[in-house]
Amino acid sequence: MRARCPCSSANLGPGFDALALALSLYIDVSVEPADSLSITTEGEGADFPVSPDHMAARVVREVLGHDNVAIEIRSEIPVARGLGSSAALAAATAAAAGATNALTIATRIDGHAENAAASVLGGLVVGTVVDDAAVAAQLELDERLAFVVVIPDRMLSTRDARAALRQEVPLHDAAVNLGRLGLLIAGFANADAFLPSAMQDTLHQPYRIPLFPESERIMRGLVDAGALGSCWSGAGSTLLAVTTAERAAAVRDAGEVLLVETGVNGRVMELAPDRTGLVVTE
């Protein structure tokens, strides 16, 4: 069986560990019976070693209770760049292994319900865990919106990005994020109501910027070039710009210039939202 999932951009500014958006980079996974475990990889992440501890193998054992399978992985999703590669891999592998609850299994293995929800459901989602169960819902996403991602060549692990966060935050900061989150959801539903300030965050971005100091200038430059807002994608190092279809090319070009000006090696891509999510084929 074969399954395909899109990548995801999570947090989206103030939606820390709650909001995510599916975008048009994909991972394809096939799982077939075999005498013993074998894993072949192609594309992004293909240079990483494979072993029985590979996430795909762990997912298969979770679904089937054994790993006597041949797993083939083809991925367009950069690894350790804040684009939900692990959640997409976990969801696609679970579905390819025959699971009917790919969201639950991907959340259990990867730990990020919002990323898993975007990869499974598509579109803009809110995802969380309630009573040990993954719960998610799709939110309205204006058809006029387009997205540009600035993907540095530097990796940033979720573990390091988590370590930079504070265990406690001021009540004022938490309240600010809640207000911005409401504005952001409204802006995603109606591009005319999208405010750049809706993507401001007080819970994670300020603490992670020292891990990628150039990010502030790049995000500011993307908005100056016409983006409706910009933010870190997940735990980074990718940066996301929300724009409209008619402005997307100008924002993409500005991203290219900003990489040069800041001395950051990387690439810039214009991506469409994926509104389909998980696709399974025999």
C-alpha atoms as a PDB file:
ATOM      1  CA  MET A   1       0.000   0.000   0.000  1.00  0.00           C
ATOM      2  CA  ARG A   2       1.182   3.536  -0.697  1.00  0.00           C
ATOM      3  CA  ALA A   3       0.380   6.815   1.050  1.00  0.00           C
ATOM      4  CA  ARG A   4       1.250  10.454   0.421  1.00  0.00           C
ATOM      5  CA  CYS A   5       1.212  13.353   2.903  1.00  0.00           C
ATOM      6  CA  PRO A   6       2.007  17.061   2.521  1.00  0.00           C
ATOM      7  CA  CYS A   7       4.465  18.946   4.669  1.00  0.00           C
ATOM      8  CA  SER A   8       3.248  21.370   7.301  1.00  0.00           C
ATOM      9  CA  SER A   9       4.141  24.742   8.767  1.00  0.00           C
ATOM     10  CA  ALA A  10       3.185  24.936  12.430  1.00  0.00           C
ATOM     11  CA  ASN A  11       2.790  27.631  15.081  1.00  0.00           C
ATOM     12  CA  LEU A  12       2.229  30.327  12.430  1.00  0.00           C
ATOM     13  CA  GLY A  13       3.302  32.960  14.917  1.00  0.00           C
ATOM     14  CA  PRO A  14       1.061  32.942  17.995  1.00  0.00           C
ATOM     15  CA  GLY A  15      -0.477  29.501  17.409  1.00  0.00           C
ATOM     16  CA  PHE A  16       2.258  27.708  19.355  1.00  0.00           C
ATOM     17  CA  ASP A  17       1.756  23.932  19.360  1.00  0.00           C
ATOM     18  CA  ALA A  18      -1.799  24.423  18.079  1.00  0.00           C
ATOM     19  CA  LEU A  19      -2.044  25.789  14.516  1.00  0.00           C
ATOM     20  CA  ALA A  20      -0.568  24.277  11.370  1.00  0.00           C
ATOM     21  CA  LEU A  21      -0.919  24.629   7.626  1.00  0.00           C
ATOM     22  CA  ALA A  22      -0.430  21.935   4.970  1.00  0.00           C
ATOM     23  CA  LEU A  23       1.773  23.010   2.057  1.00  0.00           C
ATOM     24  CA  SER A  24       2.628  21.499  -1.306  1.00  0.00           C
ATOM     25  CA  LEU A  25       5.796  19.535  -0.604  1.00  0.00           C
ATOM     26  CA  TYR A  26       5.173  15.812  -0.239  1.00  0.00           C
ATOM     27  CA  ILE A  27       6.411  12.543   1.140  1.00  0.00           C
ATOM     28  CA  ASP A  28       5.392   9.214  -0.419  1.00  0.00           C
ATOM     29  CA  VAL A  29       5.710   5.962   1.512  1.00  0.00           C
ATOM     30  CA  SER A  30       4.985   2.405   0.438  1.00  0.00           C
ATOM     31  CA  VAL A  31       4.835  -0.571   2.809  1.00  0.00           C
ATOM     32  CA  GLU A  32       4.799  -4.126   1.469  1.00  0.00           C
ATOM     33  CA  PRO A  33       5.120  -7.531   3.202  1.00  0.00           C
ATOM     34  CA  ALA A  34       8.655  -8.975   3.269  1.00  0.00           C
ATOM     35  CA  ASP A  35      10.700 -11.638   5.029  1.00  0.00           C
ATOM     36  CA  SER A  36      12.521  -8.987   7.050  1.00  0.00           C
ATOM     37  CA  LEU A  37      12.751  -5.237   7.462  1.00  0.00           C
ATOM     38  CA  SER A  38      14.215  -3.188   4.637  1.00  0.00           C
ATOM     39  CA  ILE A  39      14.086   0.581   4.205  1.00  0.00           C
ATOM     40  CA  THR A  40      15.025   2.506   1.076  1.00  0.00           C
ATOM     41  CA  THR A  41      14.946   6.288   0.894  1.00  0.00           C
ATOM     42  CA  GLU A  42      15.093   8.806  -1.935  1.00  0.00           C
ATOM     43  CA  GLY A  43      15.135  12.588  -2.002  1.00  0.00           C
ATOM     44  CA  GLU A  44      15.262  14.709   1.133  1.00  0.00           C
ATOM     45  CA  GLY A  45      16.699  12.798   4.078  1.00  0.00           C
ATOM     46  CA  ALA A  46      18.111  10.031   1.887  1.00  0.00           C
ATOM     47  CA  ASP A  47      21.602  10.635   3.290  1.00  0.00           C
ATOM     48  CA  PHE A  48      20.467   9.813   6.834  1.00  0.00           C
ATOM     49  CA  PRO A  49      21.294   6.287   8.033  1.00  0.00           C
ATOM     50  CA  VAL A  50      18.524   3.699   8.199  1.00  0.00           C
ATOM     51  CA  SER A  51      18.206   1.201  11.034  1.00  0.00           C
ATOM     52  CA  PRO A  52      15.501  -0.677  12.956  1.00  0.00           C
ATOM     53  CA  ASP A  53      15.118   2.531  15.009  1.00  0.00           C
ATOM     54  CA  HIS A  54      14.119   4.570  11.932  1.00  0.00           C
ATOM     55  CA  MET A  55      10.830   6.367  12.527  1.00  0.00           C
ATOM     56  CA  ALA A  56       9.137   4.493   9.674  1.00  0.00           C
ATOM     57  CA  ALA A  57      10.101   1.153  11.249  1.00  0.00           C
ATOM     58  CA  ARG A  58       8.786   2.265  14.635  1.00  0.00           C
ATOM     59  CA  VAL A  59       5.505   3.324  13.069  1.00  0.00           C
ATOM     60  CA  VAL A  60       5.139  -0.006  11.261  1.00  0.00           C
ATOM     61  CA  ARG A  61       5.706  -1.919  14.492  1.00  0.00           C
ATOM     62  CA  GLU A  62       3.091   0.254  16.173  1.00  0.00           C
ATOM     63  CA  VAL A  63       0.562  -0.574  13.450  1.00  0.00           C
ATOM     64  CA  LEU A  64       1.363  -4.205  12.636  1.00  0.00           C
ATOM     65  CA  GLY A  65       3.106  -5.470  15.738  1.00  0.00           C
ATOM     66  CA  HIS A  66       6.136  -6.525  13.629  1.00  0.00           C
ATOM     67  CA  ASP A  67       8.456  -5.057  11.008  1.00  0.00           C
ATOM     68  CA  ASN A  68       8.639  -7.786   8.375  1.00  0.00           C
ATOM     69  CA  VAL A  69       8.067  -5.259   5.624  1.00  0.00           C
ATOM     70  CA  ALA A  70       9.805  -3.420   2.806  1.00  0.00           C
ATOM     71  CA  ILE A  71       9.458   0.343   3.238  1.00  0.00           C
ATOM     72  CA  GLU A  72      10.154   2.768   0.407  1.00  0.00           C
ATOM     73  CA  ILE A  73      10.286   6.496   1.156  1.00  0.00           C
ATOM     74  CA  ARG A  74      10.462   9.336  -1.364  1.00  0.00           C
ATOM     75  CA  SER A  75      10.433  12.813   0.131  1.00  0.00           C
ATOM     76  CA  GLU A  76      10.450  16.426  -1.062  1.00  0.00           C
ATOM     77  CA  ILE A  77      10.319  17.746   2.522  1.00  0.00           C
ATOM     78  CA  PRO A  78      13.573  19.159   3.947  1.00  0.00           C
ATOM     79  CA  VAL A  79      14.568  17.524   7.241  1.00  0.00           C
ATOM     80  CA  ALA A  80      15.029  19.531  10.468  1.00  0.00           C
ATOM     81  CA  ARG A  81      13.832  22.743   8.826  1.00  0.00           C
ATOM     82  CA  GLY A  82      10.483  23.259  10.566  1.00  0.00           C
ATOM     83  CA  LEU A  83       8.333  21.818   7.790  1.00  0.00           C
ATOM     84  CA  GLY A  84       6.912  18.829   9.649  1.00  0.00           C
ATOM     85  CA  SER A  85       8.940  16.154   7.875  1.00  0.00           C
ATOM     86  CA  SER A  86       8.722  13.732  10.820  1.00  0.00           C
ATOM     87  CA  ALA A  87       4.973  14.083  11.286  1.00  0.00           C
ATOM     88  CA  ALA A  88       4.371  13.658   7.551  1.00  0.00           C
ATOM     89  CA  LEU A  89       6.577  10.566   7.498  1.00  0.00           C
ATOM     90  CA  ALA A  90       4.819   9.078  10.509  1.00  0.00           C
ATOM     91  CA  ALA A  91       1.340   9.719   9.106  1.00  0.00           C
ATOM     92  CA  ALA A  92       2.137   8.440   5.617  1.00  0.00           C
ATOM     93  CA  THR A  93       3.847   5.320   6.974  1.00  0.00           C
ATOM     94  CA  ALA A  94       0.986   4.554   9.339  1.00  0.00           C
ATOM     95  CA  ALA A  95      -1.540   4.813   6.511  1.00  0.00           C
ATOM     96  CA  ALA A  96       0.634   2.775   4.128  1.00  0.00           C
ATOM     97  CA  ALA A  97       0.859   0.061   6.799  1.00  0.00           C
ATOM     98  CA  GLY A  98      -2.927  -0.094   6.917  1.00  0.00           C
ATOM     99  CA  ALA A  99      -3.743   2.061   9.943  1.00  0.00           C
ATOM    100  CA  THR A 100      -7.149   3.708   9.999  1.00  0.00           C
ATOM    101  CA  ASN A 101      -6.029   6.192  12.656  1.00  0.00           C
ATOM    102  CA  ALA A 102      -2.943   7.751  11.066  1.00  0.00           C
ATOM    103  CA  LEU A 103      -3.438  11.000  12.987  1.00  0.00           C
ATOM    104  CA  THR A 104      -3.381   9.270  16.371  1.00  0.00           C
ATOM    105  CA  ILE A 105      -0.355   7.126  15.534  1.00  0.00           C
ATOM    106  CA  ALA A 106       1.624   9.995  13.996  1.00  0.00           C
ATOM    107  CA  THR A 107       0.916  12.153  17.037  1.00  0.00           C
ATOM    108  CA  ARG A 108       1.980   9.369  19.392  1.00  0.00           C
ATOM    109  CA  ILE A 109       5.233   8.697  17.526  1.00  0.00           C
ATOM    110  CA  ASP A 110       6.189  12.241  16.519  1.00  0.00           C
ATOM    111  CA  GLY A 111       4.587  14.179  19.375  1.00  0.00           C
ATOM    112  CA  HIS A 112       3.119  17.061  17.367  1.00  0.00           C
ATOM    113  CA  ALA A 113      -0.637  16.813  16.907  1.00  0.00           C
ATOM    114  CA  GLU A 114      -0.868  20.025  14.886  1.00  0.00           C
ATOM    115  CA  ASN A 115       1.727  18.935  12.302  1.00  0.00           C
ATOM    116  CA  ALA A 116       0.190  15.484  12.027  1.00  0.00           C
ATOM    117  CA  ALA A 117      -3.286  16.991  11.650  1.00  0.00           C
ATOM    118  CA  ALA A 118      -2.190  19.251   8.791  1.00  0.00           C
ATOM    119  CA  SER A 119      -0.536  16.335   6.973  1.00  0.00           C
ATOM    120  CA  VAL A 120      -3.587  14.096   7.434  1.00  0.00           C
ATOM    121  CA  LEU A 121      -6.431  16.584   6.960  1.00  0.00           C
ATOM    122  CA  GLY A 122      -4.855  19.224   4.729  1.00  0.00           C
ATOM    123  CA  GLY A 123      -5.526  22.942   4.838  1.00  0.00           C
ATOM    124  CA  LEU A 124      -5.341  25.089   7.960  1.00  0.00           C
ATOM    125  CA  VAL A 125      -5.907  23.103  11.134  1.00  0.00           C
ATOM    126  CA  VAL A 126      -5.924  23.282  14.882  1.00  0.00           C
ATOM    127  CA  GLY A 127      -4.611  20.149  16.552  1.00  0.00           C
ATOM    128  CA  THR A 128      -3.959  19.106  20.122  1.00  0.00           C
ATOM    129  CA  VAL A 129      -4.138  16.160  22.508  1.00  0.00           C
ATOM    130  CA  VAL A 130      -7.149  15.728  24.792  1.00  0.00           C
ATOM    131  CA  ASP A 131      -7.242  12.847  27.285  1.00  0.00           C
ATOM    132  CA  ASP A 132      -4.351  11.145  25.471  1.00  0.00           C
ATOM    133  CA  ALA A 133      -6.161  11.321  22.118  1.00  0.00           C
ATOM    134  CA  ALA A 134      -5.258  13.508  19.137  1.00  0.00           C
ATOM    135  CA  VAL A 135      -8.063  15.933  18.305  1.00  0.00           C
ATOM    136  CA  ALA A 136      -8.069  18.192  15.261  1.00  0.00           C
ATOM    137  CA  ALA A 137     -10.332  20.376  13.154  1.00  0.00           C
ATOM    138  CA  GLN A 138      -9.977  22.256   9.893  1.00  0.00           C
ATOM    139  CA  LEU A 139     -10.277  26.038   9.869  1.00  0.00           C
ATOM    140  CA  GLU A 140     -11.326  28.334   7.049  1.00  0.00           C
ATOM    141  CA  LEU A 141      -8.539  29.354   4.663  1.00  0.00           C
ATOM    142  CA  ASP A 142      -9.105  32.138   2.133  1.00  0.00           C
ATOM    143  CA  GLU A 143      -8.592  30.924  -1.449  1.00  0.00           C
ATOM    144  CA  ARG A 144      -6.663  34.116  -2.281  1.00  0.00           C
ATOM    145  CA  LEU A 145      -3.784  33.337   0.072  1.00  0.00           C
ATOM    146  CA  ALA A 146      -0.411  32.053  -1.122  1.00  0.00           C
ATOM    147  CA  PHE A 147       2.733  31.166   0.790  1.00  0.00           C
ATOM    148  CA  VAL A 148       6.458  31.664   0.386  1.00  0.00           C
ATOM    149  CA  VAL A 149       9.030  29.720   2.386  1.00  0.00           C
ATOM    150  CA  VAL A 150      12.633  30.719   2.929  1.00  0.00           C
ATOM    151  CA  ILE A 151      14.554  27.507   3.645  1.00  0.00           C
ATOM    152  CA  PRO A 152      18.106  28.013   4.943  1.00  0.00           C
ATOM    153  CA  ASP A 153      20.665  25.297   4.381  1.00  0.00           C
ATOM    154  CA  ARG A 154      21.260  25.152   8.121  1.00  0.00           C
ATOM    155  CA  MET A 155      19.399  22.521  10.132  1.00  0.00           C
ATOM    156  CA  LEU A 156      17.761  23.356  13.446  1.00  0.00           C
ATOM    157  CA  SER A 157      16.622  20.413  15.520  1.00  0.00           C
ATOM    158  CA  THR A 158      13.328  20.569  17.378  1.00  0.00           C
ATOM    159  CA  ARG A 159      15.205  19.500  20.517  1.00  0.00           C
ATOM    160  CA  ASP A 160      17.541  22.516  20.378  1.00  0.00           C
ATOM    161  CA  ALA A 161      14.658  24.834  19.545  1.00  0.00           C
ATOM    162  CA  ARG A 162      12.655  23.485  22.506  1.00  0.00           C
ATOM    163  CA  ALA A 163      15.624  23.905  24.815  1.00  0.00           C
ATOM    164  CA  ALA A 164      15.665  27.635  24.024  1.00  0.00           C
ATOM    165  CA  LEU A 165      12.137  28.159  25.382  1.00  0.00           C
ATOM    166  CA  ARG A 166      11.124  29.324  28.850  1.00  0.00           C
ATOM    167  CA  GLN A 167       9.262  26.955  31.143  1.00  0.00           C
ATOM    168  CA  GLU A 168       7.252  29.888  32.510  1.00  0.00           C
ATOM    169  CA  VAL A 169       6.064  33.021  30.719  1.00  0.00           C
ATOM    170  CA  PRO A 170       4.468  36.226  32.020  1.00  0.00           C
ATOM    171  CA  LEU A 171       0.680  36.312  32.079  1.00  0.00           C
ATOM    172  CA  HIS A 172       0.815  39.388  29.853  1.00  0.00           C
ATOM    173  CA  ASP A 173       2.705  37.473  27.155  1.00  0.00           C
ATOM    174  CA  ALA A 174       0.217  34.618  27.241  1.00  0.00           C
ATOM    175  CA  ALA A 175      -2.689  37.073  26.931  1.00  0.00           C
ATOM    176  CA  VAL A 176      -1.009  38.865  24.010  1.00  0.00           C
ATOM    177  CA  ASN A 177      -0.661  35.580  22.153  1.00  0.00           C
ATOM    178  CA  LEU A 178      -4.312  34.707  22.664  1.00  0.00           C
ATOM    179  CA  GLY A 179      -5.384  38.031  21.175  1.00  0.00           C
ATOM    180  CA  ARG A 180      -3.021  37.662  18.219  1.00  0.00           C
ATOM    181  CA  LEU A 181      -4.255  34.105  17.664  1.00  0.00           C
ATOM    182  CA  GLY A 182      -7.825  35.328  17.269  1.00  0.00           C
ATOM    183  CA  LEU A 183      -6.716  37.960  14.764  1.00  0.00           C
ATOM    184  CA  LEU A 184      -4.677  35.389  12.869  1.00  0.00           C
ATOM    185  CA  ILE A 185      -7.564  32.935  12.490  1.00  0.00           C
ATOM    186  CA  ALA A 186      -9.754  35.789  11.243  1.00  0.00           C
ATOM    187  CA  GLY A 187      -7.069  36.833   8.754  1.00  0.00           C
ATOM    188  CA  PHE A 188      -6.648  33.341   7.384  1.00  0.00           C
ATOM    189  CA  ALA A 189     -10.397  33.172   6.824  1.00  0.00           C
ATOM    190  CA  ASN A 190     -10.493  36.571   5.110  1.00  0.00           C
ATOM    191  CA  ALA A 191      -7.317  37.941   3.524  1.00  0.00           C
ATOM    192  CA  ASP A 192      -8.758  41.469   3.640  1.00  0.00           C
ATOM    193  CA  ALA A 193      -8.684  41.250   7.440  1.00  0.00           C
ATOM    194  CA  PHE A 194      -5.116  39.929   7.689  1.00  0.00           C
ATOM    195  CA  LEU A 195      -2.897  42.138   9.857  1.00  0.00           C
ATOM    196  CA  PRO A 196       0.917  41.734  10.001  1.00  0.00           C
ATOM    197  CA  SER A 197       0.685  42.090  13.784  1.00  0.00           C
ATOM    198  CA  ALA A 198      -1.468  38.938  13.887  1.00  0.00           C
ATOM    199  CA  MET A 199       1.703  36.876  13.388  1.00  0.00           C
ATOM    200  CA  GLN A 200       3.576  38.462  16.288  1.00  0.00           C
ATOM    201  CA  ASP A 201       4.464  35.998  19.021  1.00  0.00           C
ATOM    202  CA  THR A 202       5.704  36.219  22.605  1.00  0.00           C
ATOM    203  CA  LEU A 203       6.007  32.533  23.541  1.00  0.00           C
ATOM    204  CA  HIS A 204       8.621  31.022  21.233  1.00  0.00           C
ATOM    205  CA  GLN A 205      10.030  33.233  18.475  1.00  0.00           C
ATOM    206  CA  PRO A 206      11.800  35.777  20.718  1.00  0.00           C
ATOM    207  CA  TYR A 207      13.637  32.962  22.500  1.00  0.00           C
ATOM    208  CA  ARG A 208      14.584  31.137  19.314  1.00  0.00           C
ATOM    209  CA  ILE A 209      15.886  34.112  17.335  1.00  0.00           C
ATOM    210  CA  PRO A 210      19.402  33.784  18.858  1.00  0.00           C
ATOM    211  CA  LEU A 211      19.552  30.368  17.137  1.00  0.00           C
ATOM    212  CA  PHE A 212      19.003  32.129  13.783  1.00  0.00           C
ATOM    213  CA  PRO A 213      19.802  35.840  14.281  1.00  0.00           C
ATOM    214  CA  GLU A 214      19.277  36.722  10.614  1.00  0.00           C
ATOM    215  CA  SER A 215      15.642  35.633  10.815  1.00  0.00           C
ATOM    216  CA  GLU A 216      14.431  38.981  12.152  1.00  0.00           C
ATOM    217  CA  ARG A 217      15.747  40.910   9.168  1.00  0.00           C
ATOM    218  CA  ILE A 218      14.450  38.345   6.706  1.00  0.00           C
ATOM    219  CA  MET A 219      10.947  38.290   8.200  1.00  0.00           C
ATOM    220  CA  ARG A 220      10.810  42.082   8.281  1.00  0.00           C
ATOM    221  CA  GLY A 221      12.018  42.269   4.682  1.00  0.00           C
ATOM    222  CA  LEU A 222       9.358  39.826   3.494  1.00  0.00           C
ATOM    223  CA  VAL A 223       6.623  42.052   4.937  1.00  0.00           C
ATOM    224  CA  ASP A 224       8.257  45.149   3.445  1.00  0.00           C
ATOM    225  CA  ALA A 225       8.122  43.377   0.067  1.00  0.00           C
ATOM    226  CA  GLY A 226       4.356  42.890   0.307  1.00  0.00           C
ATOM    227  CA  ALA A 227       3.765  39.840   2.486  1.00  0.00           C
ATOM    228  CA  LEU A 228       0.733  40.062   4.745  1.00  0.00           C
ATOM    229  CA  GLY A 229       2.789  38.606   7.588  1.00  0.00           C
ATOM    230  CA  SER A 230       5.799  36.409   8.315  1.00  0.00           C
ATOM    231  CA  CYS A 231       6.937  34.033  11.028  1.00  0.00           C
ATOM    232  CA  TRP A 232       9.114  31.074  11.877  1.00  0.00           C
ATOM    233  CA  SER A 233       7.838  27.817  10.412  1.00  0.00           C
ATOM    234  CA  GLY A 234       7.545  25.396  13.274  1.00  0.00           C
ATOM    235  CA  ALA A 235      10.813  25.307  15.199  1.00  0.00           C
ATOM    236  CA  GLY A 236      12.755  26.695  12.211  1.00  0.00           C
ATOM    237  CA  SER A 237      14.976  27.252  10.462  1.00  0.00           C
ATOM    238  CA  THR A 238      12.452  27.818   7.646  1.00  0.00           C
ATOM    239  CA  LEU A 239      10.650  31.159   7.605  1.00  0.00           C
ATOM    240  CA  LEU A 240       7.111  31.482   6.247  1.00  0.00           C
ATOM    241  CA  ALA A 241       5.535  34.463   4.509  1.00  0.00           C
ATOM    242  CA  VAL A 242       1.777  34.702   4.065  1.00  0.00           C
ATOM    243  CA  THR A 243       0.863  36.608   0.943  1.00  0.00           C
ATOM    244  CA  THR A 244      -1.652  36.722  -1.881  1.00  0.00           C
ATOM    245  CA  ALA A 245      -1.310  35.136  -5.301  1.00  0.00           C
ATOM    246  CA  GLU A 246      -0.642  38.451  -7.033  1.00  0.00           C
ATOM    247  CA  ARG A 247       2.113  39.396  -4.561  1.00  0.00           C
ATOM    248  CA  ALA A 248       3.730  35.987  -4.221  1.00  0.00           C
ATOM    249  CA  ALA A 249       6.342  36.400  -6.968  1.00  0.00           C
ATOM    250  CA  ALA A 250       7.539  39.725  -5.554  1.00  0.00           C
ATOM    251  CA  VAL A 251       7.769  38.251  -2.057  1.00  0.00           C
ATOM    252  CA  ARG A 252       9.660  35.224  -3.385  1.00  0.00           C
ATOM    253  CA  ASP A 253      12.122  37.482  -5.219  1.00  0.00           C
ATOM    254  CA  ALA A 254      12.607  39.545  -2.070  1.00  0.00           C
ATOM    255  CA  GLY A 255      13.366  36.389  -0.153  1.00  0.00           C
ATOM    256  CA  GLU A 256      16.134  35.544  -2.606  1.00  0.00           C
ATOM    257  CA  VAL A 257      17.641  39.021  -2.160  1.00  0.00           C
ATOM    258  CA  LEU A 258      17.372  38.825   1.625  1.00  0.00           C
ATOM    259  CA  LEU A 259      19.275  35.547   1.707  1.00  0.00           C
ATOM    260  CA  VAL A 260      22.108  37.187  -0.222  1.00  0.00           C
ATOM    261  CA  GLU A 261      22.067  40.336   1.911  1.00  0.00           C
ATOM    262  CA  THR A 262      22.175  38.365   5.174  1.00  0.00           C
ATOM    263  CA  GLY A 263      24.771  35.897   3.909  1.00  0.00           C
ATOM    264  CA  VAL A 264      22.496  32.912   4.482  1.00  0.00           C
ATOM    265  CA  ASN A 265      22.691  30.027   2.036  1.00  0.00           C
ATOM    266  CA  GLY A 266      19.327  28.535   1.178  1.00  0.00           C
ATOM    267  CA  ARG A 267      16.426  28.535  -1.209  1.00  0.00           C
ATOM    268  CA  VAL A 268      13.087  30.278  -1.553  1.00  0.00           C
ATOM    269  CA  MET A 269       9.943  28.558  -2.769  1.00  0.00           C
ATOM    270  CA  GLU A 270       6.390  29.641  -3.501  1.00  0.00           C
ATOM    271  CA  LEU A 271       4.077  26.915  -2.196  1.00  0.00           C
ATOM    272  CA  ALA A 272       0.355  26.420  -2.524  1.00  0.00           C
ATOM    273  CA  PRO A 273      -1.712  25.252   0.427  1.00  0.00           C
ATOM    274  CA  ASP A 274      -2.508  21.559   0.224  1.00  0.00           C
ATOM    275  CA  ARG A 275      -6.222  21.153   0.925  1.00  0.00           C
ATOM    276  CA  THR A 276      -6.373  17.356   0.506  1.00  0.00           C
ATOM    277  CA  GLY A 277      -3.993  15.939   3.092  1.00  0.00           C
ATOM    278  CA  LEU A 278      -3.401  12.216   3.276  1.00  0.00           C
ATOM    279  CA  VAL A 279      -3.955  10.194   0.097  1.00  0.00           C
ATOM    280  CA  VAL A 280      -3.820   6.377   0.201  1.00  0.00           C
ATOM    281  CA  THR A 281      -3.607   4.124  -2.865  1.00  0.00           C
ATOM    282  CA  GLU A 282      -3.417   0.344  -3.217  1.00  0.00           C
END
